[in-house]
Amino acid sequence: MGTRRHYKSTLIRAGAIRDITRRHYEVGNNSRCYKSVWRNFVYPIYGCTYGTYLSYLRMPPAEVPREAEDPRQLSLFEFERV
């Protein structure tokens, strides 16, 4: 199986869900298992199914591609001294 491309919004949502899981999941604690984290913290916000939640956790953390910067745009911190 090859790598699969995802939409930008899906990558952002998956990253947010991984952050929520990182904050609330505890290994060996059944009251803080994946199902409990999904039921109490993820489902009320995102409304995704448990299977989708698990697939977001398995999704490799990919950087959201940035748009190319316009070279004519001035930067806030980098400037050329004349």
PDB file of N, CA and C in Angstrom:
ATOM      1  N   MET A   1       0.835  -1.185   0.000  1.00  0.00           N
ATOM      2  CA  MET A   1       0.000   0.000   0.000  1.00  0.00           C
ATOM      3  C   MET A   1       0.875   1.242   0.000  1.00  0.00           C
ATOM      4  N   GLY A   2       0.529   2.176  -0.816  1.00  0.00           N
ATOM      5  CA  GLY A   2       1.282   3.415  -0.894  1.00  0.00           C
ATOM      6  C   GLY A   2       0.806   4.415   0.128  1.00  0.00           C
ATOM      7  N   THR A   3       1.511   5.492   0.206  1.00  0.00           N
ATOM      8  CA  THR A   3       1.094   6.542   1.115  1.00  0.00           C
ATOM      9  C   THR A   3      -0.150   7.222   0.566  1.00  0.00           C
ATOM     10  N   ARG A   4      -0.965   7.683   1.438  1.00  0.00           N
ATOM     11  CA  ARG A   4      -2.225   8.280   1.052  1.00  0.00           C
ATOM     12  C   ARG A   4      -2.204   9.758   1.361  1.00  0.00           C
ATOM     13  N   ARG A   5      -2.698  10.563   0.434  1.00  0.00           N
ATOM     14  CA  ARG A   5      -2.750  11.999   0.666  1.00  0.00           C
ATOM     15  C   ARG A   5      -4.050  12.342   1.361  1.00  0.00           C
ATOM     16  N   HIS A   6      -3.988  13.292   2.247  1.00  0.00           N
ATOM     17  CA  HIS A   6      -5.163  13.740   2.974  1.00  0.00           C
ATOM     18  C   HIS A   6      -5.351  15.226   2.733  1.00  0.00           C
ATOM     19  N   TYR A   7      -6.576  15.664   2.914  1.00  0.00           N
ATOM     20  CA  TYR A   7      -6.854  17.078   2.803  1.00  0.00           C
ATOM     21  C   TYR A   7      -6.193  17.832   3.948  1.00  0.00           C
ATOM     22  N   LYS A   8      -5.949  19.113   3.730  1.00  0.00           N
ATOM     23  CA  LYS A   8      -5.305  19.960   4.725  1.00  0.00           C
ATOM     24  C   LYS A   8      -6.128  19.996   6.017  1.00  0.00           C
ATOM     25  N   SER A   9      -7.448  20.095   5.906  1.00  0.00           N
ATOM     26  CA  SER A   9      -8.304  20.156   7.094  1.00  0.00           C
ATOM     27  C   SER A   9      -8.263  18.845   7.873  1.00  0.00           C
ATOM     28  N   THR A  10      -8.121  17.720   7.170  1.00  0.00           N
ATOM     29  CA  THR A  10      -8.028  16.427   7.843  1.00  0.00           C
ATOM     30  C   THR A  10      -6.735  16.335   8.635  1.00  0.00           C
ATOM     31  N   LEU A  11      -5.648  16.832   8.071  1.00  0.00           N
ATOM     32  CA  LEU A  11      -4.369  16.812   8.788  1.00  0.00           C
ATOM     33  C   LEU A  11      -4.420  17.688  10.033  1.00  0.00           C
ATOM     34  N   ILE A  12      -5.075  18.832   9.929  1.00  0.00           N
ATOM     35  CA  ILE A  12      -5.196  19.731  11.082  1.00  0.00           C
ATOM     36  C   ILE A  12      -6.057  19.088  12.163  1.00  0.00           C
ATOM     37  N   ARG A  13      -7.192  18.483  11.760  1.00  0.00           N
ATOM     38  CA  ARG A  13      -8.087  17.825  12.714  1.00  0.00           C
ATOM     39  C   ARG A  13      -7.387  16.653  13.393  1.00  0.00           C
ATOM     40  N   ALA A  14      -6.654  15.848  12.635  1.00  0.00           N
ATOM     41  CA  ALA A  14      -5.935  14.707  13.197  1.00  0.00           C
ATOM     42  C   ALA A  14      -4.877  15.178  14.196  1.00  0.00           C
ATOM     43  N   GLY A  15      -4.200  16.265  13.893  1.00  0.00           N
ATOM     44  CA  GLY A  15      -3.210  16.808  14.829  1.00  0.00           C
ATOM     45  C   GLY A  15      -3.854  17.292  16.114  1.00  0.00           C
ATOM     46  N   ALA A  16      -5.011  17.928  16.013  1.00  0.00           N
ATOM     47  CA  ALA A  16      -5.719  18.399  17.206  1.00  0.00           C
ATOM     48  C   ALA A  16      -6.196  17.221  18.051  1.00  0.00           C
ATOM     49  N   ILE A  17      -6.675  16.177  17.393  1.00  0.00           N
ATOM     50  CA  ILE A  17      -7.135  14.988  18.126  1.00  0.00           C
ATOM     51  C   ILE A  17      -5.967  14.285  18.789  1.00  0.00           C
ATOM     52  N   ARG A  18      -4.810  14.218  18.115  1.00  0.00           N
ATOM     53  CA  ARG A  18      -3.623  13.628  18.757  1.00  0.00           C
ATOM     54  C   ARG A  18      -3.186  14.444  19.965  1.00  0.00           C
ATOM     55  N   ASP A  19      -3.307  15.763  19.905  1.00  0.00           N
ATOM     56  CA  ASP A  19      -2.961  16.606  21.060  1.00  0.00           C
ATOM     57  C   ASP A  19      -3.892  16.337  22.234  1.00  0.00           C
ATOM     58  N   ILE A  20      -5.191  16.230  21.961  1.00  0.00           N
ATOM     59  CA  ILE A  20      -6.159  15.914  23.021  1.00  0.00           C
ATOM     60  C   ILE A  20      -5.823  14.573  23.643  1.00  0.00           C
ATOM     61  N   THR A  21      -5.522  13.583  22.809  1.00  0.00           N
ATOM     62  CA  THR A  21      -5.186  12.250  23.309  1.00  0.00           C
ATOM     63  C   THR A  21      -3.909  12.282  24.124  1.00  0.00           C
ATOM     64  N   ARG A  22      -2.924  13.042  23.676  1.00  0.00           N
ATOM     65  CA  ARG A  22      -1.657  13.141  24.409  1.00  0.00           C
ATOM     66  C   ARG A  22      -1.871  13.722  25.811  1.00  0.00           C
ATOM     67  N   ARG A  23      -2.811  14.663  25.930  1.00  0.00           N
ATOM     68  CA  ARG A  23      -3.071  15.281  27.231  1.00  0.00           C
ATOM     69  C   ARG A  23      -3.833  14.369  28.186  1.00  0.00           C
ATOM     70  N   HIS A  24      -4.729  13.510  27.669  1.00  0.00           N
ATOM     71  CA  HIS A  24      -5.653  12.783  28.539  1.00  0.00           C
ATOM     72  C   HIS A  24      -5.418  11.280  28.621  1.00  0.00           C
ATOM     73  N   TYR A  25      -4.668  10.682  27.726  1.00  0.00           N
ATOM     74  CA  TYR A  25      -4.471   9.231  27.713  1.00  0.00           C
ATOM     75  C   TYR A  25      -3.413   8.825  28.723  1.00  0.00           C
ATOM     76  N   GLU A  26      -3.691   7.731  29.455  1.00  0.00           N
ATOM     77  CA  GLU A  26      -2.728   7.165  30.397  1.00  0.00           C
ATOM     78  C   GLU A  26      -2.641   5.667  30.160  1.00  0.00           C
ATOM     79  N   VAL A  27      -1.438   5.152  30.023  1.00  0.00           N
ATOM     80  CA  VAL A  27      -1.230   3.721  29.813  1.00  0.00           C
ATOM     81  C   VAL A  27      -1.590   2.974  31.090  1.00  0.00           C
ATOM     82  N   GLY A  28      -2.390   1.918  30.963  1.00  0.00           N
ATOM     83  CA  GLY A  28      -2.726   1.076  32.097  1.00  0.00           C
ATOM     84  C   GLY A  28      -3.872   1.587  32.947  1.00  0.00           C
ATOM     85  N   ASN A  29      -4.402   2.758  32.672  1.00  0.00           N
ATOM     86  CA  ASN A  29      -5.516   3.309  33.441  1.00  0.00           C
ATOM     87  C   ASN A  29      -6.780   3.191  32.585  1.00  0.00           C
ATOM     88  N   ASN A  30      -7.691   2.287  32.995  1.00  0.00           N
ATOM     89  CA  ASN A  30      -8.880   2.042  32.185  1.00  0.00           C
ATOM     90  C   ASN A  30      -9.820   3.233  32.135  1.00  0.00           C
ATOM     91  N   SER A  31      -9.762   4.127  33.096  1.00  0.00           N
ATOM     92  CA  SER A  31     -10.617   5.306  33.034  1.00  0.00           C
ATOM     93  C   SER A  31     -10.023   6.373  32.120  1.00  0.00           C
ATOM     94  N   ARG A  32      -8.802   6.152  31.628  1.00  0.00           N
ATOM     95  CA  ARG A  32      -8.143   7.078  30.702  1.00  0.00           C
ATOM     96  C   ARG A  32      -7.674   6.351  29.442  1.00  0.00           C
ATOM     97  N   CYS A  33      -8.384   5.283  29.045  1.00  0.00           N
ATOM     98  CA  CYS A  33      -8.026   4.533  27.841  1.00  0.00           C
ATOM     99  C   CYS A  33      -8.481   5.310  26.604  1.00  0.00           C
ATOM    100  N   TYR A  34      -8.141   4.800  25.414  1.00  0.00           N
ATOM    101  CA  TYR A  34      -8.512   5.487  24.172  1.00  0.00           C
ATOM    102  C   TYR A  34     -10.022   5.665  24.058  1.00  0.00           C
ATOM    103  N   LYS A  35     -10.770   4.634  24.416  1.00  0.00           N
ATOM    104  CA  LYS A  35     -12.231   4.708  24.299  1.00  0.00           C
ATOM    105  C   LYS A  35     -12.779   5.788  25.218  1.00  0.00           C
ATOM    106  N   SER A  36     -12.251   5.903  26.411  1.00  0.00           N
ATOM    107  CA  SER A  36     -12.703   6.922  27.355  1.00  0.00           C
ATOM    108  C   SER A  36     -12.323   8.318  26.883  1.00  0.00           C
ATOM    109  N   VAL A  37     -11.115   8.481  26.361  1.00  0.00           N
ATOM    110  CA  VAL A  37     -10.685   9.778  25.841  1.00  0.00           C
ATOM    111  C   VAL A  37     -11.572  10.183  24.668  1.00  0.00           C
ATOM    112  N   TRP A  38     -11.870   9.215  23.783  1.00  0.00           N
ATOM    113  CA  TRP A  38     -12.749   9.512  22.648  1.00  0.00           C
ATOM    114  C   TRP A  38     -14.146   9.909  23.120  1.00  0.00           C
ATOM    115  N   ARG A  39     -14.705   9.138  24.068  1.00  0.00           N
ATOM    116  CA  ARG A  39     -16.068   9.384  24.538  1.00  0.00           C
ATOM    117  C   ARG A  39     -16.192  10.721  25.262  1.00  0.00           C
ATOM    118  N   ASN A  40     -15.228  11.083  26.078  1.00  0.00           N
ATOM    119  CA  ASN A  40     -15.353  12.267  26.931  1.00  0.00           C
ATOM    120  C   ASN A  40     -14.803  13.551  26.323  1.00  0.00           C
ATOM    121  N   PHE A  41     -13.800  13.441  25.463  1.00  0.00           N
ATOM    122  CA  PHE A  41     -13.133  14.650  24.994  1.00  0.00           C
ATOM    123  C   PHE A  41     -13.205  14.861  23.480  1.00  0.00           C
ATOM    124  N   VAL A  42     -13.094  13.798  22.696  1.00  0.00           N
ATOM    125  CA  VAL A  42     -13.034  13.956  21.243  1.00  0.00           C
ATOM    126  C   VAL A  42     -14.429  13.988  20.627  1.00  0.00           C
ATOM    127  N   TYR A  43     -15.279  13.033  20.958  1.00  0.00           N
ATOM    128  CA  TYR A  43     -16.596  12.939  20.325  1.00  0.00           C
ATOM    129  C   TYR A  43     -17.457  14.182  20.543  1.00  0.00           C
ATOM    130  N   PRO A  44     -17.491  14.778  21.741  1.00  0.00           N
ATOM    131  CA  PRO A  44     -18.318  15.987  21.900  1.00  0.00           C
ATOM    132  C   PRO A  44     -17.866  17.160  21.030  1.00  0.00           C
ATOM    133  N   ILE A  45     -16.591  17.229  20.695  1.00  0.00           N
ATOM    134  CA  ILE A  45     -16.085  18.345  19.900  1.00  0.00           C
ATOM    135  C   ILE A  45     -16.162  18.041  18.409  1.00  0.00           C
ATOM    136  N   TYR A  46     -15.646  16.885  17.986  1.00  0.00           N
ATOM    137  CA  TYR A  46     -15.508  16.580  16.566  1.00  0.00           C
ATOM    138  C   TYR A  46     -16.605  15.671  16.018  1.00  0.00           C
ATOM    139  N   GLY A  47     -17.285  14.906  16.861  1.00  0.00           N
ATOM    140  CA  GLY A  47     -18.383  14.064  16.411  1.00  0.00           C
ATOM    141  C   GLY A  47     -17.985  12.941  15.479  1.00  0.00           C
ATOM    142  N   CYS A  48     -16.746  12.478  15.558  1.00  0.00           N
ATOM    143  CA  CYS A  48     -16.307  11.382  14.691  1.00  0.00           C
ATOM    144  C   CYS A  48     -16.528  10.047  15.401  1.00  0.00           C
ATOM    145  N   THR A  49     -16.604   8.983  14.624  1.00  0.00           N
ATOM    146  CA  THR A  49     -16.784   7.659  15.204  1.00  0.00           C
ATOM    147  C   THR A  49     -15.487   7.189  15.845  1.00  0.00           C
ATOM    148  N   TYR A  50     -15.595   6.120  16.633  1.00  0.00           N
ATOM    149  CA  TYR A  50     -14.417   5.582  17.307  1.00  0.00           C
ATOM    150  C   TYR A  50     -13.403   5.049  16.293  1.00  0.00           C
ATOM    151  N   GLY A  51     -13.879   4.430  15.224  1.00  0.00           N
ATOM    152  CA  GLY A  51     -12.981   3.928  14.178  1.00  0.00           C
ATOM    153  C   GLY A  51     -12.214   5.050  13.492  1.00  0.00           C
ATOM    154  N   THR A  52     -12.893   6.166  13.218  1.00  0.00           N
ATOM    155  CA  THR A  52     -12.230   7.320  12.618  1.00  0.00           C
ATOM    156  C   THR A  52     -11.198   7.890  13.575  1.00  0.00           C
ATOM    157  N   TYR A  53     -11.549   7.939  14.857  1.00  0.00           N
ATOM    158  CA  TYR A  53     -10.621   8.413  15.889  1.00  0.00           C
ATOM    159  C   TYR A  53      -9.342   7.577  15.887  1.00  0.00           C
ATOM    160  N   LEU A  54      -9.487   6.260  15.843  1.00  0.00           N
ATOM    161  CA  LEU A  54      -8.310   5.397  15.824  1.00  0.00           C
ATOM    162  C   LEU A  54      -7.493   5.572  14.544  1.00  0.00           C
ATOM    163  N   SER A  55      -8.166   5.799  13.421  1.00  0.00           N
ATOM    164  CA  SER A  55      -7.419   6.012  12.180  1.00  0.00           C
ATOM    165  C   SER A  55      -6.661   7.346  12.219  1.00  0.00           C
ATOM    166  N   TYR A  56      -7.216   8.361  12.878  1.00  0.00           N
ATOM    167  CA  TYR A  56      -6.490   9.625  13.048  1.00  0.00           C
ATOM    168  C   TYR A  56      -5.255   9.431  13.915  1.00  0.00           C
ATOM    169  N   LEU A  57      -5.351   8.564  14.928  1.00  0.00           N
ATOM    170  CA  LEU A  57      -4.182   8.301  15.773  1.00  0.00           C
ATOM    171  C   LEU A  57      -3.096   7.558  15.004  1.00  0.00           C
ATOM    172  N   ARG A  58      -3.492   6.688  14.054  1.00  0.00           N
ATOM    173  CA  ARG A  58      -2.522   5.935  13.260  1.00  0.00           C
ATOM    174  C   ARG A  58      -1.937   6.756  12.120  1.00  0.00           C
ATOM    175  N   MET A  59      -2.573   7.859  11.789  1.00  0.00           N
ATOM    176  CA  MET A  59      -2.121   8.690  10.681  1.00  0.00           C
ATOM    177  C   MET A  59      -0.756   9.291  11.030  1.00  0.00           C
ATOM    178  N   PRO A  60       0.221   9.194  10.120  1.00  0.00           N
ATOM    179  CA  PRO A  60       1.545   9.753  10.433  1.00  0.00           C
ATOM    180  C   PRO A  60       1.452  11.268  10.567  1.00  0.00           C
ATOM    181  N   PRO A  61       2.134  11.805  11.559  1.00  0.00           N
ATOM    182  CA  PRO A  61       2.095  13.266  11.713  1.00  0.00           C
ATOM    183  C   PRO A  61       2.798  13.928  10.541  1.00  0.00           C
ATOM    184  N   ALA A  62       2.029  14.597   9.721  1.00  0.00           N
ATOM    185  CA  ALA A  62       2.577  15.258   8.545  1.00  0.00           C
ATOM    186  C   ALA A  62       2.409  16.754   8.703  1.00  0.00           C
ATOM    187  N   GLU A  63       3.372  17.460   8.232  1.00  0.00           N
ATOM    188  CA  GLU A  63       3.285  18.909   8.284  1.00  0.00           C
ATOM    189  C   GLU A  63       2.307  19.393   7.232  1.00  0.00           C
ATOM    190  N   VAL A  64       1.512  20.355   7.591  1.00  0.00           N
ATOM    191  CA  VAL A  64       0.590  20.950   6.642  1.00  0.00           C
ATOM    192  C   VAL A  64       1.416  21.781   5.675  1.00  0.00           C
ATOM    193  N   PRO A  65       1.271  21.525   4.373  1.00  0.00           N
ATOM    194  CA  PRO A  65       2.089  22.275   3.416  1.00  0.00           C
ATOM    195  C   PRO A  65       1.781  23.769   3.461  1.00  0.00           C
ATOM    196  N   ARG A  66       2.824  24.549   3.517  1.00  0.00           N
ATOM    197  CA  ARG A  66       2.655  26.002   3.554  1.00  0.00           C
ATOM    198  C   ARG A  66       2.659  26.544   2.142  1.00  0.00           C
ATOM    199  N   GLU A  67       1.950  27.631   1.973  1.00  0.00           N
ATOM    200  CA  GLU A  67       1.943  28.283   0.678  1.00  0.00           C
ATOM    201  C   GLU A  67       3.276  29.019   0.509  1.00  0.00           C
ATOM    202  N   ALA A  68       3.723  29.116  -0.716  1.00  0.00           N
ATOM    203  CA  ALA A  68       4.993  29.785  -0.995  1.00  0.00           C
ATOM    204  C   ALA A  68       4.878  31.267  -0.634  1.00  0.00           C
ATOM    205  N   GLU A  69       5.916  31.763   0.020  1.00  0.00           N
ATOM    206  CA  GLU A  69       5.908  33.163   0.415  1.00  0.00           C
ATOM    207  C   GLU A  69       6.257  34.052  -0.769  1.00  0.00           C
ATOM    208  N   ASP A  70       5.634  35.176  -0.829  1.00  0.00           N
ATOM    209  CA  ASP A  70       5.888  36.137  -1.890  1.00  0.00           C
ATOM    210  C   ASP A  70       7.196  36.867  -1.559  1.00  0.00           C
ATOM    211  N   PRO A  71       8.177  36.846  -2.448  1.00  0.00           N
ATOM    212  CA  PRO A  71       9.457  37.495  -2.141  1.00  0.00           C
ATOM    213  C   PRO A  71       9.331  39.012  -2.011  1.00  0.00           C
ATOM    214  N   ARG A  72       8.257  39.572  -2.519  1.00  0.00           N
ATOM    215  CA  ARG A  72       8.068  41.019  -2.414  1.00  0.00           C
ATOM    216  C   ARG A  72       7.511  41.435  -1.054  1.00  0.00           C
ATOM    217  N   GLN A  73       6.972  40.457  -0.307  1.00  0.00           N
ATOM    218  CA  GLN A  73       6.388  40.760   0.991  1.00  0.00           C
ATOM    219  C   GLN A  73       7.489  40.991   2.021  1.00  0.00           C
ATOM    220  N   LEU A  74       7.400  42.074   2.774  1.00  0.00           N
ATOM    221  CA  LEU A  74       8.381  42.361   3.808  1.00  0.00           C
ATOM    222  C   LEU A  74       8.170  41.448   4.995  1.00  0.00           C
ATOM    223  N   SER A  75       9.272  41.042   5.596  1.00  0.00           N
ATOM    224  CA  SER A  75       9.219  40.199   6.769  1.00  0.00           C
ATOM    225  C   SER A  75       9.254  41.072   8.011  1.00  0.00           C
ATOM    226  N   LEU A  76       8.641  40.594   9.068  1.00  0.00           N
ATOM    227  CA  LEU A  76       8.575  41.370  10.295  1.00  0.00           C
ATOM    228  C   LEU A  76       9.928  41.410  11.008  1.00  0.00           C
ATOM    229  N   PHE A  77      10.686  40.313  10.958  1.00  0.00           N
ATOM    230  CA  PHE A  77      11.911  40.228  11.728  1.00  0.00           C
ATOM    231  C   PHE A  77      13.181  40.292  10.887  1.00  0.00           C
ATOM    232  N   GLU A  78      13.095  40.009   9.629  1.00  0.00           N
ATOM    233  CA  GLU A  78      14.280  40.033   8.777  1.00  0.00           C
ATOM    234  C   GLU A  78      14.180  41.226   7.833  1.00  0.00           C
ATOM    235  N   PHE A  79      15.166  42.053   7.863  1.00  0.00           N
ATOM    236  CA  PHE A  79      15.163  43.190   6.947  1.00  0.00           C
ATOM    237  C   PHE A  79      16.584  43.430   6.467  1.00  0.00           C
ATOM    238  N   GLU A  80      16.682  44.067   5.370  1.00  0.00           N
ATOM    239  CA  GLU A  80      17.973  44.350   4.772  1.00  0.00           C
ATOM    240  C   GLU A  80      18.383  45.760   5.118  1.00  0.00           C
ATOM    241  N   ARG A  81      19.570  45.890   5.676  1.00  0.00           N
ATOM    242  CA  ARG A  81      20.056  47.241   6.009  1.00  0.00           C
ATOM    243  C   ARG A  81      20.656  47.886   4.787  1.00  0.00           C
ATOM    244  N   VAL A  82      20.294  49.101   4.566  1.00  0.00           N
ATOM    245  CA  VAL A  82      20.783  49.824   3.391  1.00  0.00           C
ATOM    246  C   VAL A  82      21.770  50.879   3.816  1.00  0.00           C
TER     247      VAL A  82
END
